[in-house]
């Protein structure tokens, strides 16, 4: 939608709008997004008079669904918890390596 929104050419706007609709909004779209029929109908009606913001209602619905459902569910998922654990372990390992590099420097400083 951001690429669509920044398009200046009316002919390109039309082609991009149809492509987005066919791929994501249409009820038989191969990558159909999860929006209610009212938002789908509004978006379809917006295609009759193209503007850079004609997909805004659908985009807003998707953001809200992500914020209220998908993202919190992801944060509770085992996959996310595993990633956090891996990141913590890497940080711990990197800190240990830094400590090993700094230690000889400190010992040299004490000798002087």
N, C-alpha and C. Protein backbone atom coordinates (compact mmCIF):
# COMPACT_ATOMS: atom_id res chain seq x y z
N UNK A 1 0.82 -1.20 0.00
CA UNK A 1 0.00 0.00 0.00
C UNK A 1 0.86 1.26 0.00
N UNK A 2 2.01 1.20 0.63
CA UNK A 2 2.86 2.40 0.66
C UNK A 2 3.36 2.76 -0.74
N UNK A 3 3.75 1.75 -1.51
CA UNK A 3 4.18 1.99 -2.89
C UNK A 3 3.02 2.57 -3.69
N UNK A 4 1.84 2.02 -3.51
CA UNK A 4 0.64 2.52 -4.19
C UNK A 4 0.39 3.98 -3.80
N UNK A 5 0.43 4.25 -2.51
CA UNK A 5 0.14 5.59 -2.00
C UNK A 5 1.10 6.64 -2.57
N UNK A 6 2.33 6.26 -2.85
CA UNK A 6 3.33 7.20 -3.35
C UNK A 6 3.37 7.29 -4.87
N UNK A 7 2.50 6.58 -5.55
CA UNK A 7 2.48 6.59 -7.02
C UNK A 7 1.84 7.89 -7.51
N UNK A 8 2.50 8.55 -8.45
CA UNK A 8 2.01 9.83 -8.98
C UNK A 8 1.21 9.67 -10.26
N UNK A 9 1.58 8.73 -11.10
CA UNK A 9 0.94 8.52 -12.40
C UNK A 9 -0.43 7.87 -12.23
N UNK A 10 -1.47 8.49 -12.83
CA UNK A 10 -2.83 7.95 -12.73
C UNK A 10 -2.93 6.57 -13.36
N UNK A 11 -2.25 6.37 -14.49
CA UNK A 11 -2.33 5.06 -15.15
C UNK A 11 -1.66 3.98 -14.30
N UNK A 12 -0.53 4.31 -13.69
CA UNK A 12 0.14 3.34 -12.82
C UNK A 12 -0.69 3.09 -11.56
N UNK A 13 -1.35 4.13 -11.07
CA UNK A 13 -2.20 4.01 -9.89
C UNK A 13 -3.31 2.98 -10.15
N UNK A 14 -3.91 3.07 -11.31
CA UNK A 14 -4.98 2.15 -11.67
C UNK A 14 -4.49 0.70 -11.75
N UNK A 15 -3.35 0.50 -12.39
CA UNK A 15 -2.78 -0.85 -12.53
C UNK A 15 -2.42 -1.41 -11.16
N UNK A 16 -1.77 -0.61 -10.33
CA UNK A 16 -1.37 -1.07 -9.00
C UNK A 16 -2.58 -1.36 -8.12
N UNK A 17 -3.60 -0.51 -8.21
CA UNK A 17 -4.80 -0.71 -7.40
C UNK A 17 -5.47 -2.02 -7.76
N UNK A 18 -5.59 -2.31 -9.05
CA UNK A 18 -6.22 -3.55 -9.47
C UNK A 18 -5.41 -4.76 -9.02
N UNK A 19 -4.10 -4.63 -9.11
CA UNK A 19 -3.22 -5.74 -8.70
C UNK A 19 -3.38 -6.01 -7.20
N UNK A 20 -3.38 -4.96 -6.39
CA UNK A 20 -3.55 -5.12 -4.94
C UNK A 20 -4.92 -5.75 -4.64
N UNK A 21 -5.95 -5.25 -5.30
CA UNK A 21 -7.29 -5.78 -5.07
C UNK A 21 -7.36 -7.26 -5.44
N UNK A 22 -6.86 -7.59 -6.62
CA UNK A 22 -6.92 -8.98 -7.10
C UNK A 22 -6.11 -9.94 -6.23
N UNK A 23 -4.99 -9.46 -5.71
CA UNK A 23 -4.11 -10.34 -4.94
C UNK A 23 -4.49 -10.46 -3.47
N UNK A 24 -5.08 -9.39 -2.90
CA UNK A 24 -5.29 -9.38 -1.45
C UNK A 24 -6.73 -9.15 -0.99
N UNK A 25 -7.53 -8.39 -1.72
CA UNK A 25 -8.83 -7.95 -1.23
C UNK A 25 -9.98 -8.80 -1.74
N UNK A 26 -9.93 -9.16 -3.00
CA UNK A 26 -10.99 -9.94 -3.63
C UNK A 26 -11.28 -11.21 -2.82
N UNK A 27 -12.54 -11.65 -2.84
CA UNK A 27 -12.90 -12.84 -2.05
C UNK A 27 -12.24 -14.11 -2.57
N UNK A 28 -11.81 -14.10 -3.81
CA UNK A 28 -11.09 -15.28 -4.34
C UNK A 28 -9.61 -14.97 -4.58
N UNK A 29 -9.10 -14.00 -3.85
CA UNK A 29 -7.69 -13.60 -3.99
C UNK A 29 -6.77 -14.72 -3.50
N UNK A 30 -5.64 -14.92 -4.18
CA UNK A 30 -4.72 -15.98 -3.75
C UNK A 30 -4.10 -15.72 -2.37
N UNK A 31 -3.98 -14.46 -2.00
CA UNK A 31 -3.42 -14.11 -0.69
C UNK A 31 -4.41 -13.22 0.07
N UNK A 32 -5.65 -13.67 0.11
CA UNK A 32 -6.74 -12.88 0.69
C UNK A 32 -6.46 -12.50 2.15
N UNK A 33 -6.67 -11.23 2.43
CA UNK A 33 -6.49 -10.74 3.80
C UNK A 33 -7.78 -10.91 4.58
N UNK A 34 -7.67 -10.93 5.88
CA UNK A 34 -8.80 -11.15 6.77
C UNK A 34 -9.44 -9.82 7.13
N UNK A 35 -10.40 -9.39 6.31
CA UNK A 35 -11.16 -8.17 6.64
C UNK A 35 -12.65 -8.49 6.52
N UNK A 36 -13.46 -7.72 7.21
CA UNK A 36 -14.90 -7.93 7.19
C UNK A 36 -15.48 -7.48 5.84
N UNK A 37 -16.69 -7.94 5.55
CA UNK A 37 -17.29 -7.64 4.24
C UNK A 37 -17.54 -6.14 4.04
N UNK A 38 -17.84 -5.43 5.12
CA UNK A 38 -18.07 -3.98 5.00
C UNK A 38 -16.80 -3.26 4.53
N UNK A 39 -15.67 -3.59 5.12
CA UNK A 39 -14.40 -2.97 4.72
C UNK A 39 -14.05 -3.38 3.29
N UNK A 40 -14.32 -4.63 2.96
CA UNK A 40 -14.07 -5.11 1.60
C UNK A 40 -14.91 -4.32 0.59
N UNK A 41 -16.20 -4.11 0.92
CA UNK A 41 -17.09 -3.36 0.03
C UNK A 41 -16.67 -1.90 -0.11
N UNK A 42 -16.26 -1.31 0.99
CA UNK A 42 -15.79 0.09 0.96
C UNK A 42 -14.56 0.19 0.08
N UNK A 43 -13.65 -0.74 0.23
CA UNK A 43 -12.42 -0.73 -0.57
C UNK A 43 -12.75 -0.92 -2.04
N UNK A 44 -13.66 -1.82 -2.35
CA UNK A 44 -14.06 -2.03 -3.75
C UNK A 44 -14.69 -0.77 -4.32
N UNK A 45 -15.53 -0.10 -3.55
CA UNK A 45 -16.16 1.15 -4.00
C UNK A 45 -15.10 2.24 -4.22
N UNK A 46 -14.08 2.25 -3.36
CA UNK A 46 -13.01 3.24 -3.50
C UNK A 46 -12.26 3.09 -4.81
N UNK A 47 -12.27 1.90 -5.37
CA UNK A 47 -11.56 1.68 -6.64
C UNK A 47 -12.24 2.36 -7.82
N UNK A 48 -13.50 2.79 -7.64
CA UNK A 48 -14.20 3.49 -8.71
C UNK A 48 -13.70 4.92 -8.88
N UNK A 49 -13.17 5.48 -7.82
CA UNK A 49 -12.59 6.83 -7.86
C UNK A 49 -11.26 6.77 -7.13
N UNK A 50 -10.23 6.38 -7.86
CA UNK A 50 -8.93 6.12 -7.22
C UNK A 50 -8.32 7.36 -6.59
N UNK A 51 -7.83 7.14 -5.38
CA UNK A 51 -7.05 8.15 -4.66
C UNK A 51 -5.91 7.40 -3.99
N UNK A 52 -4.87 8.12 -3.58
CA UNK A 52 -3.78 7.43 -2.88
C UNK A 52 -4.22 6.77 -1.57
N UNK A 53 -5.38 7.16 -1.04
CA UNK A 53 -5.82 6.62 0.25
C UNK A 53 -6.95 5.61 0.12
N UNK A 54 -7.22 5.09 -1.08
CA UNK A 54 -8.38 4.20 -1.23
C UNK A 54 -8.23 2.87 -0.49
N UNK A 55 -7.04 2.47 -0.13
CA UNK A 55 -6.85 1.22 0.62
C UNK A 55 -6.70 1.47 2.13
N UNK A 56 -6.80 2.71 2.55
CA UNK A 56 -6.61 3.04 3.97
C UNK A 56 -7.55 2.28 4.92
N UNK A 57 -8.86 2.17 4.60
CA UNK A 57 -9.73 1.42 5.54
C UNK A 57 -9.27 -0.04 5.72
N UNK A 58 -8.91 -0.69 4.63
CA UNK A 58 -8.45 -2.08 4.72
C UNK A 58 -7.12 -2.16 5.49
N UNK A 59 -6.23 -1.24 5.19
CA UNK A 59 -4.93 -1.23 5.88
C UNK A 59 -5.13 -1.00 7.37
N UNK A 60 -6.03 -0.10 7.73
CA UNK A 60 -6.30 0.17 9.14
C UNK A 60 -6.85 -1.08 9.84
N UNK A 61 -7.78 -1.78 9.17
CA UNK A 61 -8.34 -3.01 9.76
C UNK A 61 -7.25 -4.05 10.01
N UNK A 62 -6.35 -4.21 9.05
CA UNK A 62 -5.28 -5.19 9.19
C UNK A 62 -4.36 -4.80 10.35
N UNK A 63 -3.99 -3.54 10.44
CA UNK A 63 -3.14 -3.09 11.55
C UNK A 63 -3.82 -3.36 12.89
N UNK A 64 -5.12 -3.07 12.97
CA UNK A 64 -5.83 -3.28 14.23
C UNK A 64 -5.90 -4.78 14.57
N UNK A 65 -6.15 -5.62 13.59
CA UNK A 65 -6.17 -7.07 13.84
C UNK A 65 -4.80 -7.56 14.32
N UNK A 66 -3.77 -7.04 13.70
CA UNK A 66 -2.42 -7.44 14.11
C UNK A 66 -2.14 -6.99 15.53
N UNK A 67 -2.50 -5.75 15.85
CA UNK A 67 -2.22 -5.20 17.18
C UNK A 67 -3.00 -5.92 18.27
N UNK A 68 -4.23 -6.30 17.98
CA UNK A 68 -5.08 -6.89 19.00
C UNK A 68 -5.02 -8.41 19.07
N UNK A 69 -4.61 -9.05 17.98
CA UNK A 69 -4.66 -10.51 17.96
C UNK A 69 -3.33 -11.15 17.58
N UNK A 70 -2.90 -10.95 16.36
CA UNK A 70 -1.73 -11.68 15.84
C UNK A 70 -0.45 -11.37 16.62
N UNK A 71 -0.17 -10.10 16.84
CA UNK A 71 1.09 -9.74 17.50
C UNK A 71 1.13 -10.24 18.95
N UNK A 72 0.09 -10.01 19.75
CA UNK A 72 0.14 -10.56 21.11
C UNK A 72 0.25 -12.09 21.14
N UNK A 73 -0.43 -12.75 20.20
CA UNK A 73 -0.33 -14.21 20.13
C UNK A 73 1.09 -14.63 19.78
N UNK A 74 1.73 -13.91 18.85
CA UNK A 74 3.11 -14.20 18.49
C UNK A 74 4.03 -14.03 19.71
N UNK A 75 3.82 -12.97 20.48
CA UNK A 75 4.66 -12.73 21.66
C UNK A 75 4.52 -13.84 22.70
N UNK A 76 3.39 -14.52 22.71
CA UNK A 76 3.18 -15.63 23.66
C UNK A 76 3.62 -16.97 23.07
N UNK A 77 3.97 -16.99 21.79
CA UNK A 77 4.28 -18.27 21.13
C UNK A 77 5.63 -18.83 21.58
N UNK A 78 5.73 -20.14 21.46
CA UNK A 78 6.99 -20.81 21.78
C UNK A 78 8.11 -20.37 20.86
N UNK A 79 7.78 -20.12 19.60
CA UNK A 79 8.78 -19.67 18.62
C UNK A 79 9.42 -18.37 19.08
N UNK A 80 8.61 -17.42 19.50
CA UNK A 80 9.15 -16.14 19.96
C UNK A 80 9.97 -16.32 21.24
N UNK A 81 9.46 -17.11 22.15
CA UNK A 81 10.21 -17.34 23.41
C UNK A 81 11.55 -17.99 23.13
N UNK A 82 11.59 -18.91 22.16
CA UNK A 82 12.86 -19.54 21.78
C UNK A 82 13.83 -18.51 21.21
N UNK A 83 13.33 -17.60 20.37
CA UNK A 83 14.18 -16.55 19.78
C UNK A 83 14.74 -15.64 20.86
N UNK A 84 13.91 -15.28 21.82
CA UNK A 84 14.37 -14.41 22.92
C UNK A 84 15.46 -15.12 23.72
N UNK A 85 15.24 -16.40 23.99
CA UNK A 85 16.23 -17.18 24.75
C UNK A 85 17.56 -17.25 24.00
N UNK A 86 17.49 -17.48 22.67
CA UNK A 86 18.70 -17.53 21.86
C UNK A 86 19.43 -16.19 21.89
N UNK A 87 18.68 -15.11 21.79
CA UNK A 87 19.29 -13.77 21.82
C UNK A 87 19.96 -13.51 23.16
N UNK A 88 19.31 -13.91 24.24
CA UNK A 88 19.90 -13.72 25.57
C UNK A 88 21.19 -14.52 25.69
N UNK A 89 21.17 -15.75 25.19
CA UNK A 89 22.35 -16.60 25.26
C UNK A 89 23.50 -16.00 24.46
N UNK A 90 23.19 -15.48 23.25
CA UNK A 90 24.23 -14.85 22.43
C UNK A 90 24.82 -13.64 23.14
N UNK A 91 23.97 -12.85 23.76
CA UNK A 91 24.43 -11.67 24.49
C UNK A 91 25.34 -12.09 25.64
N UNK A 92 24.93 -13.13 26.36
CA UNK A 92 25.73 -13.62 27.48
C UNK A 92 27.10 -14.10 26.98
N UNK A 93 27.10 -14.83 25.86
CA UNK A 93 28.36 -15.33 25.28
C UNK A 93 29.25 -14.18 24.82
N UNK A 94 28.64 -13.16 24.20
CA UNK A 94 29.42 -12.01 23.75
C UNK A 94 30.01 -11.25 24.94
N UNK A 95 29.24 -11.11 26.01
CA UNK A 95 29.74 -10.44 27.21
C UNK A 95 30.91 -11.21 27.81
N UNK A 96 30.81 -12.53 27.79
CA UNK A 96 31.89 -13.36 28.33
C UNK A 96 33.16 -13.19 27.49
N UNK A 97 33.01 -13.15 26.18
CA UNK A 97 34.17 -12.96 25.30
C UNK A 97 34.81 -11.60 25.53
N UNK A 98 33.97 -10.57 25.72
CA UNK A 98 34.51 -9.23 25.99
C UNK A 98 35.29 -9.23 27.30
N UNK A 99 34.75 -9.91 28.30
CA UNK A 99 35.42 -9.95 29.59
C UNK A 99 36.78 -10.62 29.48
N UNK A 100 36.86 -11.66 28.67
CA UNK A 100 38.13 -12.35 28.48
C UNK A 100 39.14 -11.45 27.76
N UNK A 101 38.68 -10.61 26.87
CA UNK A 101 39.59 -9.70 26.16
C UNK A 101 40.04 -8.55 27.06
N UNK A 102 39.16 -8.09 27.93
CA UNK A 102 39.48 -6.96 28.81
C UNK A 102 40.38 -7.39 29.95
N UNK A 103 40.23 -8.59 30.44
CA UNK A 103 40.98 -9.06 31.60
C UNK A 103 42.51 -8.94 31.42
N UNK A 104 43.08 -9.42 30.30
CA UNK A 104 44.53 -9.25 30.14
C UNK A 104 44.94 -7.77 30.13
N UNK A 105 44.09 -6.93 29.59
CA UNK A 105 44.40 -5.50 29.58
C UNK A 105 44.44 -4.95 31.00
N UNK A 106 43.51 -5.40 31.83
CA UNK A 106 43.49 -4.95 33.22
C UNK A 106 44.72 -5.45 33.97
N UNK A 107 45.11 -6.68 33.71
CA UNK A 107 46.29 -7.23 34.38
C UNK A 107 47.54 -6.47 33.97
N UNK A 108 47.65 -6.11 32.72
CA UNK A 108 48.79 -5.30 32.26
C UNK A 108 48.79 -3.94 32.92
N UNK A 109 47.61 -3.37 33.14
CA UNK A 109 47.50 -2.06 33.75
C UNK A 109 47.97 -2.15 35.20
N UNK A 110 47.61 -3.26 35.91
CA UNK A 110 48.02 -3.42 37.30
C UNK A 110 49.52 -3.55 37.43
N UNK A 111 50.19 -4.17 36.45
CA UNK A 111 51.62 -4.36 36.52
C UNK A 111 52.40 -3.07 36.37
N UNK A 112 51.84 -2.10 35.74
CA UNK A 112 52.58 -0.85 35.47
C UNK A 112 52.62 0.04 36.64
